[in-house]
Amino acid sequence: MSEQKRCKRIPVEIELSISDLFKQDNVKIKNIEAPIVVKNISKTGVGFETEAVLPLEYYFNAKIELGNQESSLFVVLQIVRVEERGDKMFYGSQFVGRAEILDFIFDNYDKALGELE
């Protein structure tokens, strides 16, 4: 099964901003100020769209809030896929060094969404 389809994707609408990108070899791109809209999230990563053109294989820090302040996740994401969709770019990113606690947080968030439907 492909990496991007391995885990259930949860549709979300979360607005974030990327200000800096970095690579492991200390290469940095600063002051990007790219607003992004997270479209889906899973236990392995985040799908988002933006008007900015971002390079693959770069990393960025993100704070993702799922439902409430107690469910805030501070994560590092690596951009691994890109697809042009009209005037926007859709990116796939994966969590780097994902802690197992994320499974618990995602399961609870998915369960809460199911109860709202």
PDB file of N, CA and C in Angstrom:
ATOM      1  N   MET A   1       0.849  -1.182   0.000  1.00  0.00           N
ATOM      2  CA  MET A   1       0.000   0.000   0.000  1.00  0.00           C
ATOM      3  C   MET A   1       0.888   1.235   0.000  1.00  0.00           C
ATOM      4  N   SER A   2       0.523   2.242  -0.761  1.00  0.00           N
ATOM      5  CA  SER A   2       1.365   3.432  -0.837  1.00  0.00           C
ATOM      6  C   SER A   2       1.412   4.159   0.497  1.00  0.00           C
ATOM      7  N   GLU A   3       2.518   4.840   0.716  1.00  0.00           N
ATOM      8  CA  GLU A   3       2.743   5.570   1.968  1.00  0.00           C
ATOM      9  C   GLU A   3       1.628   6.559   2.258  1.00  0.00           C
ATOM     10  N   GLN A   4       1.151   7.273   1.244  1.00  0.00           N
ATOM     11  CA  GLN A   4       0.170   8.304   1.473  1.00  0.00           C
ATOM     12  C   GLN A   4      -1.221   7.748   1.748  1.00  0.00           C
ATOM     13  N   LYS A   5      -1.476   6.479   1.486  1.00  0.00           N
ATOM     14  CA  LYS A   5      -2.796   5.899   1.722  1.00  0.00           C
ATOM     15  C   LYS A   5      -2.804   4.951   2.929  1.00  0.00           C
ATOM     16  N   ARG A   6      -1.710   4.855   3.638  1.00  0.00           N
ATOM     17  CA  ARG A   6      -1.571   3.899   4.725  1.00  0.00           C
ATOM     18  C   ARG A   6      -2.486   4.205   5.902  1.00  0.00           C
ATOM     19  N   CYS A   7      -2.713   5.453   6.213  1.00  0.00           N
ATOM     20  CA  CYS A   7      -3.528   5.845   7.362  1.00  0.00           C
ATOM     21  C   CYS A   7      -4.750   6.631   6.907  1.00  0.00           C
ATOM     22  N   LYS A   8      -5.798   6.553   7.699  1.00  0.00           N
ATOM     23  CA  LYS A   8      -7.021   7.283   7.405  1.00  0.00           C
ATOM     24  C   LYS A   8      -6.750   8.780   7.421  1.00  0.00           C
ATOM     25  N   ARG A   9      -7.228   9.468   6.395  1.00  0.00           N
ATOM     26  CA  ARG A   9      -7.094  10.924   6.329  1.00  0.00           C
ATOM     27  C   ARG A   9      -8.341  11.553   6.916  1.00  0.00           C
ATOM     28  N   ILE A  10      -8.141  12.536   7.760  1.00  0.00           N
ATOM     29  CA  ILE A  10      -9.239  13.256   8.385  1.00  0.00           C
ATOM     30  C   ILE A  10      -9.307  14.631   7.731  1.00  0.00           C
ATOM     31  N   PRO A  11     -10.451  14.964   7.101  1.00  0.00           N
ATOM     32  CA  PRO A  11     -10.552  16.292   6.488  1.00  0.00           C
ATOM     33  C   PRO A  11     -10.595  17.382   7.562  1.00  0.00           C
ATOM     34  N   VAL A  12      -9.829  18.428   7.370  1.00  0.00           N
ATOM     35  CA  VAL A  12      -9.790  19.555   8.302  1.00  0.00           C
ATOM     36  C   VAL A  12      -9.631  20.840   7.505  1.00  0.00           C
ATOM     37  N   GLU A  13      -9.888  21.950   8.139  1.00  0.00           N
ATOM     38  CA  GLU A  13      -9.612  23.276   7.568  1.00  0.00           C
ATOM     39  C   GLU A  13      -8.872  24.063   8.648  1.00  0.00           C
ATOM     40  N   ILE A  14      -7.561  24.003   8.616  1.00  0.00           N
ATOM     41  CA  ILE A  14      -6.717  24.689   9.588  1.00  0.00           C
ATOM     42  C   ILE A  14      -5.808  25.635   8.817  1.00  0.00           C
ATOM     43  N   GLU A  15      -5.751  26.888   9.242  1.00  0.00           N
ATOM     44  CA  GLU A  15      -4.854  27.839   8.594  1.00  0.00           C
ATOM     45  C   GLU A  15      -3.561  27.940   9.381  1.00  0.00           C
ATOM     46  N   LEU A  16      -2.447  27.861   8.668  1.00  0.00           N
ATOM     47  CA  LEU A  16      -1.118  27.988   9.250  1.00  0.00           C
ATOM     48  C   LEU A  16      -0.303  28.921   8.372  1.00  0.00           C
ATOM     49  N   SER A  17       0.897  29.197   8.815  1.00  0.00           N
ATOM     50  CA  SER A  17       1.813  29.982   8.002  1.00  0.00           C
ATOM     51  C   SER A  17       3.204  29.386   8.119  1.00  0.00           C
ATOM     52  N   ILE A  18       3.876  29.250   6.993  1.00  0.00           N
ATOM     53  CA  ILE A  18       5.263  28.792   6.987  1.00  0.00           C
ATOM     54  C   ILE A  18       6.134  30.029   6.833  1.00  0.00           C
ATOM     55  N   SER A  19       7.036  30.238   7.781  1.00  0.00           N
ATOM     56  CA  SER A  19       7.929  31.382   7.654  1.00  0.00           C
ATOM     57  C   SER A  19       9.334  30.960   7.243  1.00  0.00           C
ATOM     58  N   ASP A  20       9.791  29.788   7.699  1.00  0.00           N
ATOM     59  CA  ASP A  20      11.128  29.308   7.376  1.00  0.00           C
ATOM     60  C   ASP A  20      11.079  27.839   6.978  1.00  0.00           C
ATOM     61  N   LEU A  21      11.918  27.467   6.037  1.00  0.00           N
ATOM     62  CA  LEU A  21      12.126  26.076   5.654  1.00  0.00           C
ATOM     63  C   LEU A  21      13.581  25.742   5.917  1.00  0.00           C
ATOM     64  N   PHE A  22      13.856  24.473   6.193  1.00  0.00           N
ATOM     65  CA  PHE A  22      15.240  24.085   6.428  1.00  0.00           C
ATOM     66  C   PHE A  22      15.470  22.655   5.967  1.00  0.00           C
ATOM     67  N   LYS A  23      16.739  22.334   5.752  1.00  0.00           N
ATOM     68  CA  LYS A  23      17.170  20.979   5.420  1.00  0.00           C
ATOM     69  C   LYS A  23      18.154  20.537   6.489  1.00  0.00           C
ATOM     70  N   GLN A  24      18.383  19.244   6.551  1.00  0.00           N
ATOM     71  CA  GLN A  24      19.271  18.717   7.581  1.00  0.00           C
ATOM     72  C   GLN A  24      20.702  19.212   7.457  1.00  0.00           C
ATOM     73  N   ASP A  25      21.129  19.579   6.271  1.00  0.00           N
ATOM     74  CA  ASP A  25      22.508  20.027   6.094  1.00  0.00           C
ATOM     75  C   ASP A  25      22.657  21.534   6.354  1.00  0.00           C
ATOM     76  N   ASN A  26      21.767  22.077   7.183  1.00  0.00           N
ATOM     77  CA  ASN A  26      21.812  23.470   7.634  1.00  0.00           C
ATOM     78  C   ASN A  26      21.485  24.489   6.543  1.00  0.00           C
ATOM     79  N   VAL A  27      20.857  24.056   5.469  1.00  0.00           N
ATOM     80  CA  VAL A  27      20.391  24.969   4.429  1.00  0.00           C
ATOM     81  C   VAL A  27      19.053  25.524   4.883  1.00  0.00           C
ATOM     82  N   LYS A  28      18.895  26.845   4.858  1.00  0.00           N
ATOM     83  CA  LYS A  28      17.652  27.471   5.308  1.00  0.00           C
ATOM     84  C   LYS A  28      17.118  28.421   4.256  1.00  0.00           C
ATOM     85  N   ILE A  29      15.797  28.485   4.191  1.00  0.00           N
ATOM     86  CA  ILE A  29      15.113  29.494   3.395  1.00  0.00           C
ATOM     87  C   ILE A  29      14.257  30.267   4.384  1.00  0.00           C
ATOM     88  N   LYS A  30      14.558  31.553   4.546  1.00  0.00           N
ATOM     89  CA  LYS A  30      13.886  32.352   5.578  1.00  0.00           C
ATOM     90  C   LYS A  30      12.884  33.325   4.970  1.00  0.00           C
ATOM     91  N   ASN A  31      11.999  33.807   5.839  1.00  0.00           N
ATOM     92  CA  ASN A  31      11.035  34.860   5.508  1.00  0.00           C
ATOM     93  C   ASN A  31      10.138  34.517   4.318  1.00  0.00           C
ATOM     94  N   ILE A  32       9.662  33.295   4.270  1.00  0.00           N
ATOM     95  CA  ILE A  32       8.763  32.878   3.193  1.00  0.00           C
ATOM     96  C   ILE A  32       7.381  33.495   3.386  1.00  0.00           C
ATOM     97  N   GLU A  33       6.896  33.464   4.615  1.00  0.00           N
ATOM     98  CA  GLU A  33       5.560  33.994   4.945  1.00  0.00           C
ATOM     99  C   GLU A  33       4.498  33.459   3.997  1.00  0.00           C
ATOM    100  N   ALA A  34       4.456  32.131   3.862  1.00  0.00           N
ATOM    101  CA  ALA A  34       3.492  31.483   2.981  1.00  0.00           C
ATOM    102  C   ALA A  34       2.291  31.001   3.795  1.00  0.00           C
ATOM    103  N   PRO A  35       1.129  31.641   3.623  1.00  0.00           N
ATOM    104  CA  PRO A  35      -0.057  31.129   4.304  1.00  0.00           C
ATOM    105  C   PRO A  35      -0.471  29.806   3.656  1.00  0.00           C
ATOM    106  N   ILE A  36      -0.819  28.847   4.490  1.00  0.00           N
ATOM    107  CA  ILE A  36      -1.258  27.549   3.988  1.00  0.00           C
ATOM    108  C   ILE A  36      -2.581  27.182   4.636  1.00  0.00           C
ATOM    109  N   VAL A  37      -3.327  26.333   3.953  1.00  0.00           N
ATOM    110  CA  VAL A  37      -4.567  25.795   4.498  1.00  0.00           C
ATOM    111  C   VAL A  37      -4.411  24.283   4.530  1.00  0.00           C
ATOM    112  N   VAL A  38      -4.461  23.720   5.727  1.00  0.00           N
ATOM    113  CA  VAL A  38      -4.378  22.276   5.888  1.00  0.00           C
ATOM    114  C   VAL A  38      -5.709  21.693   5.441  1.00  0.00           C
ATOM    115  N   LYS A  39      -5.673  20.740   4.524  1.00  0.00           N
ATOM    116  CA  LYS A  39      -6.882  20.135   3.972  1.00  0.00           C
ATOM    117  C   LYS A  39      -7.192  18.781   4.590  1.00  0.00           C
ATOM    118  N   ASN A  40      -6.146  18.036   4.961  1.00  0.00           N
ATOM    119  CA  ASN A  40      -6.367  16.762   5.637  1.00  0.00           C
ATOM    120  C   ASN A  40      -5.163  16.434   6.491  1.00  0.00           C
ATOM    121  N   ILE A  41      -5.397  15.570   7.446  1.00  0.00           N
ATOM    122  CA  ILE A  41      -4.346  15.187   8.380  1.00  0.00           C
ATOM    123  C   ILE A  41      -4.515  13.708   8.681  1.00  0.00           C
ATOM    124  N   SER A  42      -3.413  13.026   8.882  1.00  0.00           N
ATOM    125  CA  SER A  42      -3.449  11.620   9.251  1.00  0.00           C
ATOM    126  C   SER A  42      -2.363  11.379  10.284  1.00  0.00           C
ATOM    127  N   LYS A  43      -2.249  10.145  10.717  1.00  0.00           N
ATOM    128  CA  LYS A  43      -1.221   9.812  11.699  1.00  0.00           C
ATOM    129  C   LYS A  43       0.186   9.930  11.123  1.00  0.00           C
ATOM    130  N   THR A  44       0.295   9.963   9.803  1.00  0.00           N
ATOM    131  CA  THR A  44       1.622  10.028   9.196  1.00  0.00           C
ATOM    132  C   THR A  44       1.976  11.383   8.617  1.00  0.00           C
ATOM    133  N   GLY A  45       0.970  12.258   8.380  1.00  0.00           N
ATOM    134  CA  GLY A  45       1.320  13.534   7.783  1.00  0.00           C
ATOM    135  C   GLY A  45       0.149  14.458   7.561  1.00  0.00           C
ATOM    136  N   VAL A  46       0.411  15.499   6.782  1.00  0.00           N
ATOM    137  CA  VAL A  46      -0.538  16.584   6.556  1.00  0.00           C
ATOM    138  C   VAL A  46      -0.575  16.891   5.063  1.00  0.00           C
ATOM    139  N   GLY A  47      -1.788  17.097   4.530  1.00  0.00           N
ATOM    140  CA  GLY A  47      -1.956  17.584   3.164  1.00  0.00           C
ATOM    141  C   GLY A  47      -2.392  19.033   3.242  1.00  0.00           C
ATOM    142  N   PHE A  48      -1.730  19.917   2.497  1.00  0.00           N
ATOM    143  CA  PHE A  48      -2.076  21.338   2.579  1.00  0.00           C
ATOM    144  C   PHE A  48      -1.951  21.993   1.221  1.00  0.00           C
ATOM    145  N   GLU A  49      -2.620  23.140   1.081  1.00  0.00           N
ATOM    146  CA  GLU A  49      -2.492  23.897  -0.160  1.00  0.00           C
ATOM    147  C   GLU A  49      -2.067  25.322   0.134  1.00  0.00           C
ATOM    148  N   THR A  50      -1.400  25.903  -0.854  1.00  0.00           N
ATOM    149  CA  THR A  50      -0.896  27.259  -0.760  1.00  0.00           C
ATOM    150  C   THR A  50      -0.668  27.796  -2.166  1.00  0.00           C
ATOM    151  N   GLU A  51      -0.582  29.092  -2.294  1.00  0.00           N
ATOM    152  CA  GLU A  51      -0.237  29.697  -3.579  1.00  0.00           C
ATOM    153  C   GLU A  51       1.276  29.736  -3.763  1.00  0.00           C
ATOM    154  N   ALA A  52       2.016  29.520  -2.681  1.00  0.00           N
ATOM    155  CA  ALA A  52       3.478  29.562  -2.738  1.00  0.00           C
ATOM    156  C   ALA A  52       4.034  28.293  -3.370  1.00  0.00           C
ATOM    157  N   VAL A  53       5.172  28.432  -4.031  1.00  0.00           N
ATOM    158  CA  VAL A  53       5.895  27.288  -4.565  1.00  0.00           C
ATOM    159  C   VAL A  53       6.974  26.943  -3.543  1.00  0.00           C
ATOM    160  N   LEU A  54       6.884  25.743  -2.981  1.00  0.00           N
ATOM    161  CA  LEU A  54       7.804  25.313  -1.931  1.00  0.00           C
ATOM    162  C   LEU A  54       8.643  24.140  -2.441  1.00  0.00           C
ATOM    163  N   PRO A  55       9.904  24.067  -2.037  1.00  0.00           N
ATOM    164  CA  PRO A  55      10.759  22.980  -2.513  1.00  0.00           C
ATOM    165  C   PRO A  55      10.483  21.671  -1.768  1.00  0.00           C
ATOM    166  N   LEU A  56      10.601  20.562  -2.499  1.00  0.00           N
ATOM    167  CA  LEU A  56      10.460  19.244  -1.898  1.00  0.00           C
ATOM    168  C   LEU A  56      11.657  18.939  -1.004  1.00  0.00           C
ATOM    169  N   GLU A  57      11.426  18.036  -0.058  1.00  0.00           N
ATOM    170  CA  GLU A  57      12.457  17.530   0.855  1.00  0.00           C
ATOM    171  C   GLU A  57      12.913  18.556   1.898  1.00  0.00           C
ATOM    172  N   TYR A  58      12.242  19.690   1.989  1.00  0.00           N
ATOM    173  CA  TYR A  58      12.535  20.657   3.040  1.00  0.00           C
ATOM    174  C   TYR A  58      11.592  20.417   4.213  1.00  0.00           C
ATOM    175  N   TYR A  59      11.979  20.916   5.371  1.00  0.00           N
ATOM    176  CA  TYR A  59      11.237  20.726   6.618  1.00  0.00           C
ATOM    177  C   TYR A  59      10.706  22.073   7.112  1.00  0.00           C
ATOM    178  N   PHE A  60       9.636  22.008   7.922  1.00  0.00           N
ATOM    179  CA  PHE A  60       9.177  23.201   8.619  1.00  0.00           C
ATOM    180  C   PHE A  60       8.526  22.796   9.933  1.00  0.00           C
ATOM    181  N   ASN A  61       8.543  23.739  10.869  1.00  0.00           N
ATOM    182  CA  ASN A  61       7.909  23.530  12.174  1.00  0.00           C
ATOM    183  C   ASN A  61       6.460  23.983  12.093  1.00  0.00           C
ATOM    184  N   ALA A  62       5.574  23.275  12.796  1.00  0.00           N
ATOM    185  CA  ALA A  62       4.163  23.654  12.791  1.00  0.00           C
ATOM    186  C   ALA A  62       3.534  23.373  14.154  1.00  0.00           C
ATOM    187  N   LYS A  63       2.562  24.191  14.480  1.00  0.00           N
ATOM    188  CA  LYS A  63       1.711  23.959  15.642  1.00  0.00           C
ATOM    189  C   LYS A  63       0.318  23.683  15.084  1.00  0.00           C
ATOM    190  N   ILE A  64      -0.168  22.482  15.315  1.00  0.00           N
ATOM    191  CA  ILE A  64      -1.474  22.078  14.811  1.00  0.00           C
ATOM    192  C   ILE A  64      -2.399  21.872  15.995  1.00  0.00           C
ATOM    193  N   GLU A  65      -3.528  22.573  15.973  1.00  0.00           N
ATOM    194  CA  GLU A  65      -4.497  22.478  17.055  1.00  0.00           C
ATOM    195  C   GLU A  65      -5.705  21.687  16.574  1.00  0.00           C
ATOM    196  N   LEU A  66      -5.925  20.538  17.182  1.00  0.00           N
ATOM    197  CA  LEU A  66      -7.045  19.668  16.824  1.00  0.00           C
ATOM    198  C   LEU A  66      -8.128  19.768  17.895  1.00  0.00           C
ATOM    199  N   GLY A  67      -9.098  20.606  17.661  1.00  0.00           N
ATOM    200  CA  GLY A  67     -10.239  20.682  18.570  1.00  0.00           C
ATOM    201  C   GLY A  67     -10.087  21.674  19.697  1.00  0.00           C
ATOM    202  N   ASN A  68      -9.038  21.560  20.493  1.00  0.00           N
ATOM    203  CA  ASN A  68      -8.866  22.468  21.622  1.00  0.00           C
ATOM    204  C   ASN A  68      -7.387  22.646  21.942  1.00  0.00           C
ATOM    205  N   GLN A  69      -7.108  23.579  22.838  1.00  0.00           N
ATOM    206  CA  GLN A  69      -5.726  23.929  23.183  1.00  0.00           C
ATOM    207  C   GLN A  69      -4.945  22.732  23.729  1.00  0.00           C
ATOM    208  N   GLU A  70      -5.628  21.835  24.465  1.00  0.00           N
ATOM    209  CA  GLU A  70      -4.933  20.674  25.033  1.00  0.00           C
ATOM    210  C   GLU A  70      -4.466  19.706  23.958  1.00  0.00           C
ATOM    211  N   SER A  71      -5.060  19.798  22.775  1.00  0.00           N
ATOM    212  CA  SER A  71      -4.706  18.893  21.684  1.00  0.00           C
ATOM    213  C   SER A  71      -3.751  19.532  20.682  1.00  0.00           C
ATOM    214  N   SER A  72      -3.029  20.547  21.100  1.00  0.00           N
ATOM    215  CA  SER A  72      -2.054  21.185  20.211  1.00  0.00           C
ATOM    216  C   SER A  72      -0.860  20.269  20.010  1.00  0.00           C
ATOM    217  N   LEU A  73      -0.439  20.165  18.753  1.00  0.00           N
ATOM    218  CA  LEU A  73       0.716  19.351  18.403  1.00  0.00           C
ATOM    219  C   LEU A  73       1.814  20.251  17.876  1.00  0.00           C
ATOM    220  N   PHE A  74       2.990  20.142  18.431  1.00  0.00           N
ATOM    221  CA  PHE A  74       4.156  20.851  17.913  1.00  0.00           C
ATOM    222  C   PHE A  74       4.968  19.816  17.149  1.00  0.00           C
ATOM    223  N   VAL A  75       5.051  19.984  15.838  1.00  0.00           N
ATOM    224  CA  VAL A  75       5.619  18.943  14.991  1.00  0.00           C
ATOM    225  C   VAL A  75       6.595  19.525  13.982  1.00  0.00           C
ATOM    226  N   VAL A  76       7.407  18.636  13.422  1.00  0.00           N
ATOM    227  CA  VAL A  76       8.247  18.959  12.276  1.00  0.00           C
ATOM    228  C   VAL A  76       7.688  18.154  11.112  1.00  0.00           C
ATOM    229  N   LEU A  77       7.475  18.833   9.988  1.00  0.00           N
ATOM    230  CA  LEU A  77       6.950  18.199   8.785  1.00  0.00           C
ATOM    231  C   LEU A  77       7.952  18.311   7.654  1.00  0.00           C
ATOM    232  N   GLN A  78       8.048  17.267   6.848  1.00  0.00           N
ATOM    233  CA  GLN A  78       8.893  17.279   5.660  1.00  0.00           C
ATOM    234  C   GLN A  78       7.983  17.259   4.435  1.00  0.00           C
ATOM    235  N   ILE A  79       8.221  18.163   3.501  1.00  0.00           N
ATOM    236  CA  ILE A  79       7.441  18.225   2.269  1.00  0.00           C
ATOM    237  C   ILE A  79       7.913  17.100   1.346  1.00  0.00           C
ATOM    238  N   VAL A  80       6.993  16.197   0.985  1.00  0.00           N
ATOM    239  CA  VAL A  80       7.382  15.016   0.206  1.00  0.00           C
ATOM    240  C   VAL A  80       6.689  14.895  -1.153  1.00  0.00           C
ATOM    241  N   ARG A  81       5.581  15.608  -1.359  1.00  0.00           N
ATOM    242  CA  ARG A  81       4.851  15.531  -2.628  1.00  0.00           C
ATOM    243  C   ARG A  81       4.300  16.900  -2.985  1.00  0.00           C
ATOM    244  N   VAL A  82       4.111  17.133  -4.278  1.00  0.00           N
ATOM    245  CA  VAL A  82       3.484  18.377  -4.733  1.00  0.00           C
ATOM    246  C   VAL A  82       2.653  18.073  -5.970  1.00  0.00           C
ATOM    247  N   GLU A  83       1.537  18.777  -6.078  1.00  0.00           N
ATOM    248  CA  GLU A  83       0.633  18.619  -7.222  1.00  0.00           C
ATOM    249  C   GLU A  83      -0.012  19.973  -7.485  1.00  0.00           C
ATOM    250  N   GLU A  84      -0.005  20.391  -8.742  1.00  0.00           N
ATOM    251  CA  GLU A  84      -0.633  21.663  -9.094  1.00  0.00           C
ATOM    252  C   GLU A  84      -2.135  21.459  -9.223  1.00  0.00           C
ATOM    253  N   ARG A  85      -2.912  22.322  -8.559  1.00  0.00           N
ATOM    254  CA  ARG A  85      -4.376  22.270  -8.614  1.00  0.00           C
ATOM    255  C   ARG A  85      -4.893  23.672  -8.897  1.00  0.00           C
ATOM    256  N   GLY A  86      -5.050  23.969 -10.169  1.00  0.00           N
ATOM    257  CA  GLY A  86      -5.495  25.311 -10.553  1.00  0.00           C
ATOM    258  C   GLY A  86      -4.441  26.334 -10.210  1.00  0.00           C
ATOM    259  N   ASP A  87      -4.825  27.393  -9.473  1.00  0.00           N
ATOM    260  CA  ASP A  87      -3.882  28.437  -9.101  1.00  0.00           C
ATOM    261  C   ASP A  87      -3.189  28.155  -7.767  1.00  0.00           C
ATOM    262  N   LYS A  88      -3.425  26.973  -7.194  1.00  0.00           N
ATOM    263  CA  LYS A  88      -2.809  26.600  -5.916  1.00  0.00           C
ATOM    264  C   LYS A  88      -1.960  25.352  -6.092  1.00  0.00           C
ATOM    265  N   MET A  89      -1.077  25.173  -5.153  1.00  0.00           N
ATOM    266  CA  MET A  89      -0.241  23.987  -5.110  1.00  0.00           C
ATOM    267  C   MET A  89      -0.706  23.149  -3.919  1.00  0.00           C
ATOM    268  N   PHE A  90      -0.863  21.837  -4.124  1.00  0.00           N
ATOM    269  CA  PHE A  90      -1.228  20.937  -3.036  1.00  0.00           C
ATOM    270  C   PHE A  90       0.001  20.126  -2.672  1.00  0.00           C
ATOM    271  N   TYR A  91       0.346  20.144  -1.386  1.00  0.00           N
ATOM    272  CA  TYR A  91       1.544  19.470  -0.901  1.00  0.00           C
ATOM    273  C   TYR A  91       1.181  18.353   0.069  1.00  0.00           C
ATOM    274  N   GLY A  92       1.961  17.300   0.007  1.00  0.00           N
ATOM    275  CA  GLY A  92       1.892  16.245   1.007  1.00  0.00           C
ATOM    276  C   GLY A  92       3.130  16.344   1.859  1.00  0.00           C
ATOM    277  N   SER A  93       2.941  16.270   3.157  1.00  0.00           N
ATOM    278  CA  SER A  93       4.087  16.333   4.072  1.00  0.00           C
ATOM    279  C   SER A  93       3.949  15.216   5.094  1.00  0.00           C
ATOM    280  N   GLN A  94       5.079  14.779   5.611  1.00  0.00           N
ATOM    281  CA  GLN A  94       5.052  13.715   6.605  1.00  0.00           C
ATOM    282  C   GLN A  94       5.707  14.171   7.898  1.00  0.00           C
ATOM    283  N   PHE A  95       5.197  13.627   9.003  1.00  0.00           N
ATOM    284  CA  PHE A  95       5.768  13.936  10.302  1.00  0.00           C
ATOM    285  C   PHE A  95       7.165  13.346  10.392  1.00  0.00           C
ATOM    286  N   VAL A  96       8.066  14.082  11.022  1.00  0.00           N
ATOM    287  CA  VAL A  96       9.428  13.626  11.254  1.00  0.00           C
ATOM    288  C   VAL A  96       9.560  13.329  12.738  1.00  0.00           C
ATOM    289  N   GLY A  97      10.036  12.132  13.060  1.00  0.00           N
ATOM    290  CA  GLY A  97      10.209  11.769  14.466  1.00  0.00           C
ATOM    291  C   GLY A  97       8.893  11.736  15.220  1.00  0.00           C
ATOM    292  N   ARG A  98       7.868  11.185  14.601  1.00  0.00           N
ATOM    293  CA  ARG A  98       6.515  11.174  15.156  1.00  0.00           C
ATOM    294  C   ARG A  98       6.466  10.363  16.452  1.00  0.00           C
ATOM    295  N   ALA A  99       5.939  10.975  17.499  1.00  0.00           N
ATOM    296  CA  ALA A  99       5.769  10.299  18.779  1.00  0.00           C
ATOM    297  C   ALA A  99       4.500   9.458  18.757  1.00  0.00           C
ATOM    298  N   GLU A 100       4.499   8.352  19.479  1.00  0.00           N
ATOM    299  CA  GLU A 100       3.332   7.471  19.514  1.00  0.00           C
ATOM    300  C   GLU A 100       2.104   8.137  20.126  1.00  0.00           C
ATOM    301  N   ILE A 101       2.289   9.192  20.905  1.00  0.00           N
ATOM    302  CA  ILE A 101       1.145   9.904  21.490  1.00  0.00           C
ATOM    303  C   ILE A 101       0.249  10.477  20.394  1.00  0.00           C
ATOM    304  N   LEU A 102       0.817  10.719  19.211  1.00  0.00           N
ATOM    305  CA  LEU A 102       0.000  11.226  18.104  1.00  0.00           C
ATOM    306  C   LEU A 102      -1.113  10.250  17.740  1.00  0.00           C
ATOM    307  N   ASP A 103      -0.852   8.946  17.844  1.00  0.00           N
ATOM    308  CA  ASP A 103      -1.898   7.960  17.553  1.00  0.00           C
ATOM    309  C   ASP A 103      -3.093   8.194  18.462  1.00  0.00           C
ATOM    310  N   PHE A 104      -2.847   8.388  19.729  1.00  0.00           N
ATOM    311  CA  PHE A 104      -3.912   8.620  20.714  1.00  0.00           C
ATOM    312  C   PHE A 104      -4.668   9.907  20.389  1.00  0.00           C
ATOM    313  N   ILE A 105      -3.944  10.979  20.087  1.00  0.00           N
ATOM    314  CA  ILE A 105      -4.578  12.271  19.799  1.00  0.00           C
ATOM    315  C   ILE A 105      -5.436  12.174  18.535  1.00  0.00           C
ATOM    316  N   PHE A 106      -4.902  11.540  17.482  1.00  0.00           N
ATOM    317  CA  PHE A 106      -5.671  11.406  16.243  1.00  0.00           C
ATOM    318  C   PHE A 106      -6.893  10.515  16.422  1.00  0.00           C
ATOM    319  N   ASP A 107      -6.734   9.424  17.140  1.00  0.00           N
ATOM    320  CA  ASP A 107      -7.876   8.535  17.376  1.00  0.00           C
ATOM    321  C   ASP A 107      -8.982   9.265  18.129  1.00  0.00           C
ATOM    322  N   ASN A 108      -8.618  10.042  19.141  1.00  0.00           N
ATOM    323  CA  ASN A 108      -9.615  10.800  19.906  1.00  0.00           C
ATOM    324  C   ASN A 108     -10.267  11.874  19.050  1.00  0.00           C
ATOM    325  N   TYR A 109      -9.495  12.548  18.218  1.00  0.00           N
ATOM    326  CA  TYR A 109     -10.044  13.591  17.351  1.00  0.00           C
ATOM    327  C   TYR A 109     -10.999  12.980  16.328  1.00  0.00           C
ATOM    328  N   ASP A 110     -10.597  11.867  15.724  1.00  0.00           N
ATOM    329  CA  ASP A 110     -11.445  11.190  14.747  1.00  0.00           C
ATOM    330  C   ASP A 110     -12.739  10.703  15.401  1.00  0.00           C
ATOM    331  N   LYS A 111     -12.632  10.187  16.610  1.00  0.00           N
ATOM    332  CA  LYS A 111     -13.811   9.722  17.349  1.00  0.00           C
ATOM    333  C   LYS A 111     -14.750  10.885  17.645  1.00  0.00           C
ATOM    334  N   ALA A 112     -14.205  12.022  18.070  1.00  0.00           N
ATOM    335  CA  ALA A 112     -15.015  13.201  18.362  1.00  0.00           C
ATOM    336  C   ALA A 112     -15.719  13.693  17.108  1.00  0.00           C
ATOM    337  N   LEU A 113     -15.033  13.661  15.963  1.00  0.00           N
ATOM    338  CA  LEU A 113     -15.672  14.056  14.704  1.00  0.00           C
ATOM    339  C   LEU A 113     -16.827  13.129  14.352  1.00  0.00           C
ATOM    340  N   GLY A 114     -16.639  11.840  14.576  1.00  0.00           N
ATOM    341  CA  GLY A 114     -17.677  10.855  14.294  1.00  0.00           C
ATOM    342  C   GLY A 114     -18.916  11.071  15.149  1.00  0.00           C
ATOM    343  N   GLU A 115     -18.717  11.510  16.378  1.00  0.00           N
ATOM    344  CA  GLU A 115     -19.838  11.767  17.286  1.00  0.00           C
ATOM    345  C   GLU A 115     -20.615  13.002  16.880  1.00  0.00           C
ATOM    346  N   LEU A 116     -19.965  13.940  16.166  1.00  0.00           N
ATOM    347  CA  LEU A 116     -20.635  15.150  15.720  1.00  0.00           C
ATOM    348  C   LEU A 116     -21.505  14.919  14.488  1.00  0.00           C
ATOM    349  N   GLU A 117     -21.188  13.861  13.739  1.00  0.00           N
ATOM    350  CA  GLU A 117     -21.935  13.597  12.495  1.00  0.00           C
ATOM    351  C   GLU A 117     -23.287  12.992  12.748  1.00  0.00           C
TER     352      GLU A 117
END
